[in-house]
PDB file of N, CA and C in Angstrom:
ATOM      1  N   MET A   1      -1.659  -7.258  10.087  1.00  0.00           N
ATOM      2  CA  MET A   1      -3.011  -6.927   9.688  1.00  0.00           C
ATOM      3  C   MET A   1      -3.058  -5.594   8.944  1.00  0.00           C
ATOM      4  N   ILE A   2      -2.221  -4.664   9.348  1.00  0.00           N
ATOM      5  CA  ILE A   2      -2.223  -3.345   8.719  1.00  0.00           C
ATOM      6  C   ILE A   2      -1.781  -3.430   7.257  1.00  0.00           C
ATOM      7  N   MET A   3      -0.916  -4.386   6.928  1.00  0.00           N
ATOM      8  CA  MET A   3      -0.390  -4.458   5.578  1.00  0.00           C
ATOM      9  C   MET A   3      -1.337  -5.154   4.599  1.00  0.00           C
ATOM     10  N   VAL A   4      -2.511  -5.542   5.034  1.00  0.00           N
ATOM     11  CA  VAL A   4      -3.462  -6.193   4.133  1.00  0.00           C
ATOM     12  C   VAL A   4      -3.999  -5.196   3.101  1.00  0.00           C
ATOM     13  N   LEU A   5      -4.286  -3.969   3.518  1.00  0.00           N
ATOM     14  CA  LEU A   5      -4.854  -2.983   2.595  1.00  0.00           C
ATOM     15  C   LEU A   5      -3.905  -2.637   1.438  1.00  0.00           C
ATOM     16  N   PRO A   6      -2.613  -2.339   1.682  1.00  0.00           N
ATOM     17  CA  PRO A   6      -1.749  -2.081   0.536  1.00  0.00           C
ATOM     18  C   PRO A   6      -1.519  -3.321  -0.332  1.00  0.00           C
ATOM     19  N   PHE A   7      -1.520  -4.504   0.292  1.00  0.00           N
ATOM     20  CA  PHE A   7      -1.407  -5.721  -0.506  1.00  0.00           C
ATOM     21  C   PHE A   7      -2.621  -5.869  -1.416  1.00  0.00           C
ATOM     22  N   LEU A   8      -3.785  -5.607  -0.864  1.00  0.00           N
ATOM     23  CA  LEU A   8      -5.018  -5.722  -1.641  1.00  0.00           C
ATOM     24  C   LEU A   8      -5.059  -4.698  -2.775  1.00  0.00           C
ATOM     25  N   THR A   9      -4.728  -3.450  -2.481  1.00  0.00           N
ATOM     26  CA  THR A   9      -4.746  -2.430  -3.536  1.00  0.00           C
ATOM     27  C   THR A   9      -3.653  -2.691  -4.570  1.00  0.00           C
ATOM     28  N   GLY A  10      -2.514  -3.224  -4.142  1.00  0.00           N
ATOM     29  CA  GLY A  10      -1.467  -3.591  -5.096  1.00  0.00           C
ATOM     30  C   GLY A  10      -1.895  -4.740  -5.992  1.00  0.00           C
ATOM     31  N   ALA A  11      -2.584  -5.721  -5.415  1.00  0.00           N
ATOM     32  CA  ALA A  11      -3.089  -6.844  -6.206  1.00  0.00           C
ATOM     33  C   ALA A  11      -4.150  -6.367  -7.204  1.00  0.00           C
ATOM     34  N   ILE A  12      -5.001  -5.447  -6.765  1.00  0.00           N
ATOM     35  CA  ILE A  12      -6.009  -4.892  -7.671  1.00  0.00           C
ATOM     36  C   ILE A  12      -5.334  -4.124  -8.804  1.00  0.00           C
ATOM     37  N   ALA A  13      -4.293  -3.371  -8.471  1.00  0.00           N
ATOM     38  CA  ALA A  13      -3.565  -2.623  -9.500  1.00  0.00           C
ATOM     39  C   ALA A  13      -2.917  -3.573 -10.507  1.00  0.00           C
ATOM     40  N   ALA A  14      -2.324  -4.649 -10.018  1.00  0.00           N
ATOM     41  CA  ALA A  14      -1.714  -5.620 -10.926  1.00  0.00           C
ATOM     42  C   ALA A  14      -2.768  -6.267 -11.817  1.00  0.00           C
ATOM     43  N   TRP A  15      -3.910  -6.603 -11.236  1.00  0.00           N
ATOM     44  CA  TRP A  15      -4.993  -7.203 -12.022  1.00  0.00           C
ATOM     45  C   TRP A  15      -5.496  -6.231 -13.082  1.00  0.00           C
ATOM     46  N   LEU A  16      -5.644  -4.964 -12.722  1.00  0.00           N
ATOM     47  CA  LEU A  16      -6.087  -3.964 -13.697  1.00  0.00           C
ATOM     48  C   LEU A  16      -5.056  -3.790 -14.809  1.00  0.00           C
ATOM     49  N   GLY A  17      -3.783  -3.880 -14.448  1.00  0.00           N
ATOM     50  CA  GLY A  17      -2.734  -3.789 -15.472  1.00  0.00           C
ATOM     51  C   GLY A  17      -2.781  -4.946 -16.444  1.00  0.00           C
ATOM     52  N   VAL A  18      -2.990  -6.143 -15.937  1.00  0.00           N
ATOM     53  CA  VAL A  18      -3.096  -7.325 -16.801  1.00  0.00           C
ATOM     54  C   VAL A  18      -4.348  -7.234 -17.676  1.00  0.00           C
ATOM     55  N   ALA A  19      -5.414  -6.656 -17.110  1.00  0.00           N
ATOM     56  CA  ALA A  19      -6.668  -6.530 -17.850  1.00  0.00           C
ATOM     57  C   ALA A  19      -6.611  -5.420 -18.903  1.00  0.00           C
ATOM     58  N   GLY A  20      -5.547  -4.608 -18.869  1.00  0.00           N
ATOM     59  CA  GLY A  20      -5.381  -3.573 -19.884  1.00  0.00           C
ATOM     60  C   GLY A  20      -6.047  -2.245 -19.542  1.00  0.00           C
ATOM     61  N   LYS A  21      -6.434  -2.058 -18.298  1.00  0.00           N
ATOM     62  CA  LYS A  21      -7.072  -0.811 -17.873  1.00  0.00           C
ATOM     63  C   LYS A  21      -5.993   0.088 -17.267  1.00  0.00           C
ATOM     64  N   ARG A  22      -5.281   0.782 -18.138  1.00  0.00           N
ATOM     65  CA  ARG A  22      -4.091   1.529 -17.737  1.00  0.00           C
ATOM     66  C   ARG A  22      -4.393   2.645 -16.748  1.00  0.00           C
ATOM     67  N   ARG A  23      -5.393   3.465 -17.015  1.00  0.00           N
ATOM     68  CA  ARG A  23      -5.685   4.604 -16.143  1.00  0.00           C
ATOM     69  C   ARG A  23      -6.097   4.153 -14.745  1.00  0.00           C
ATOM     70  N   ALA A  24      -6.956   3.150 -14.660  1.00  0.00           N
ATOM     71  CA  ALA A  24      -7.377   2.629 -13.358  1.00  0.00           C
ATOM     72  C   ALA A  24      -6.202   1.977 -12.633  1.00  0.00           C
ATOM     73  N   CYS A  25      -5.336   1.309 -13.377  1.00  0.00           N
ATOM     74  CA  CYS A  25      -4.153   0.680 -12.792  1.00  0.00           C
ATOM     75  C   CYS A  25      -3.239   1.722 -12.158  1.00  0.00           C
ATOM     76  N   LEU A  26      -3.002   2.814 -12.849  1.00  0.00           N
ATOM     77  CA  LEU A  26      -2.140   3.864 -12.315  1.00  0.00           C
ATOM     78  C   LEU A  26      -2.744   4.506 -11.068  1.00  0.00           C
ATOM     79  N   TRP A  27      -4.057   4.693 -11.059  1.00  0.00           N
ATOM     80  CA  TRP A  27      -4.715   5.240  -9.867  1.00  0.00           C
ATOM     81  C   TRP A  27      -4.610   4.276  -8.693  1.00  0.00           C
ATOM     82  N   ALA A  28      -4.755   2.994  -8.948  1.00  0.00           N
ATOM     83  CA  ALA A  28      -4.642   2.006  -7.878  1.00  0.00           C
ATOM     84  C   ALA A  28      -3.218   1.968  -7.324  1.00  0.00           C
ATOM     85  N   TRP A  29      -2.206   2.082  -8.189  1.00  0.00           N
ATOM     86  CA  TRP A  29      -0.822   2.126  -7.715  1.00  0.00           C
ATOM     87  C   TRP A  29      -0.576   3.392  -6.906  1.00  0.00           C
ATOM     88  N   PHE A  30      -1.159   4.504  -7.339  1.00  0.00           N
ATOM     89  CA  PHE A  30      -1.008   5.760  -6.607  1.00  0.00           C
ATOM     90  C   PHE A  30      -1.634   5.649  -5.214  1.00  0.00           C
ATOM     91  N   ILE A  31      -2.808   5.065  -5.127  1.00  0.00           N
ATOM     92  CA  ILE A  31      -3.466   4.873  -3.828  1.00  0.00           C
ATOM     93  C   ILE A  31      -2.625   3.960  -2.938  1.00  0.00           C
ATOM     94  N   THR A  32      -2.065   2.905  -3.507  1.00  0.00           N
ATOM     95  CA  THR A  32      -1.196   2.002  -2.757  1.00  0.00           C
ATOM     96  C   THR A  32       0.023   2.748  -2.224  1.00  0.00           C
ATOM     97  N   PHE A  33       0.615   3.597  -3.061  1.00  0.00           N
ATOM     98  CA  PHE A  33       1.783   4.370  -2.662  1.00  0.00           C
ATOM     99  C   PHE A  33       1.456   5.325  -1.518  1.00  0.00           C
ATOM    100  N   VAL A  34       0.305   5.975  -1.584  1.00  0.00           N
ATOM    101  CA  VAL A  34      -0.120   6.889  -0.521  1.00  0.00           C
ATOM    102  C   VAL A  34      -0.321   6.137   0.790  1.00  0.00           C
ATOM    103  N   ILE A  35      -0.909   4.952   0.718  1.00  0.00           N
ATOM    104  CA  ILE A  35      -1.104   4.135   1.927  1.00  0.00           C
ATOM    105  C   ILE A  35       0.252   3.754   2.518  1.00  0.00           C
ATOM    106  N   PHE A  36       1.200   3.342   1.673  1.00  0.00           N
ATOM    107  CA  PHE A  36       2.535   2.995   2.159  1.00  0.00           C
ATOM    108  C   PHE A  36       3.209   4.189   2.838  1.00  0.00           C
ATOM    109  N   ILE A  37       3.122   5.356   2.227  1.00  0.00           N
ATOM    110  CA  ILE A  37       3.735   6.554   2.812  1.00  0.00           C
ATOM    111  C   ILE A  37       3.112   6.868   4.169  1.00  0.00           C
ATOM    112  N   ALA A  38       1.799   6.821   4.255  1.00  0.00           N
ATOM    113  CA  ALA A  38       1.115   7.127   5.517  1.00  0.00           C
ATOM    114  C   ALA A  38       1.508   6.126   6.599  1.00  0.00           C
ATOM    115  N   TRP A  39       1.539   4.843   6.280  1.00  0.00           N
ATOM    116  CA  TRP A  39       1.851   3.854   7.296  1.00  0.00           C
ATOM    117  C   TRP A  39       3.334   3.774   7.605  1.00  0.00           C
ATOM    118  N   CYS A  40       4.189   4.141   6.665  1.00  0.00           N
ATOM    119  CA  CYS A  40       5.619   4.220   6.981  1.00  0.00           C
ATOM    120  C   CYS A  40       5.852   5.321   8.002  1.00  0.00           C
ATOM    121  N   GLN A  41       5.195   6.458   7.824  1.00  0.00           N
ATOM    122  CA  GLN A  41       5.322   7.550   8.793  1.00  0.00           C
ATOM    123  C   GLN A  41       4.855   7.091  10.170  1.00  0.00           C
ATOM    124  N   TYR A  42       3.763   6.374  10.219  1.00  0.00           N
ATOM    125  CA  TYR A  42       3.247   5.871  11.496  1.00  0.00           C
ATOM    126  C   TYR A  42       4.226   4.894  12.143  1.00  0.00           C
ATOM    127  N   HIS A  43       4.753   3.949  11.374  1.00  0.00           N
ATOM    128  CA  HIS A  43       5.615   2.923  11.933  1.00  0.00           C
ATOM    129  C   HIS A  43       7.018   3.438  12.238  1.00  0.00           C
ATOM    130  N   MET A  44       7.497   4.404  11.489  1.00  0.00           N
ATOM    131  CA  MET A  44       8.855   4.918  11.721  1.00  0.00           C
ATOM    132  C   MET A  44       8.912   5.830  12.950  1.00  0.00           C
ATOM    133  N   THR A  45       7.797   6.419  13.335  1.00  0.00           N
ATOM    134  CA  THR A  45       7.799   7.323  14.491  1.00  0.00           C
ATOM    135  C   THR A  45       7.249   6.658  15.747  1.00  0.00           C
ATOM    136  N   ASP A  46       6.761   5.445  15.647  1.00  0.00           N
ATOM    137  CA  ASP A  46       6.206   4.728  16.795  1.00  0.00           C
ATOM    138  C   ASP A  46       7.337   4.134  17.619  1.00  0.00           C
ATOM    139  N   SER A  47       7.210   4.170  18.932  1.00  0.00           N
ATOM    140  CA  SER A  47       8.244   3.589  19.784  1.00  0.00           C
ATOM    141  C   SER A  47       8.106   2.064  19.804  1.00  0.00           C
ATOM    142  N   LEU A  48       9.215   1.399  19.937  1.00  0.00           N
ATOM    143  CA  LEU A  48       9.223  -0.059  19.955  1.00  0.00           C
ATOM    144  C   LEU A  48       9.075  -0.563  21.391  1.00  0.00           C
ATOM    145  N   PRO A  49       8.133  -1.450  21.645  1.00  0.00           N
ATOM    146  CA  PRO A  49       7.958  -1.976  22.991  1.00  0.00           C
ATOM    147  C   PRO A  49       8.910  -3.151  23.274  1.00  0.00           C
ATOM    148  N   ILE A  50      10.206  -2.864  23.228  1.00  0.00           N
ATOM    149  CA  ILE A  50      11.202  -3.920  23.425  1.00  0.00           C
ATOM    150  C   ILE A  50      11.859  -3.722  24.793  1.00  0.00           C
ATOM    151  N   SER A  51      11.913  -4.756  25.554  1.00  0.00           N
ATOM    152  CA  SER A  51      12.585  -4.708  26.843  1.00  0.00           C
ATOM    153  C   SER A  51      13.957  -5.338  26.698  1.00  0.00           C
ATOM    154  N   LEU A  52      15.000  -4.542  26.854  1.00  0.00           N
ATOM    155  CA  LEU A  52      16.358  -5.071  26.691  1.00  0.00           C
ATOM    156  C   LEU A  52      16.991  -5.365  28.006  1.00  0.00           C
TER     157      LEU A  52
END
């Protein structure tokens, strides 16, 4: 569920790129990248609930 937002912003960025709106496309990719960085930090530092 958490990965829906970067997928959505990435899809919007791709659509803007196809539509020829370069500046908006780059901003959408930047926002997607920031979301990925924030959630990678969250997921990489979270403990895994695995019982071995």
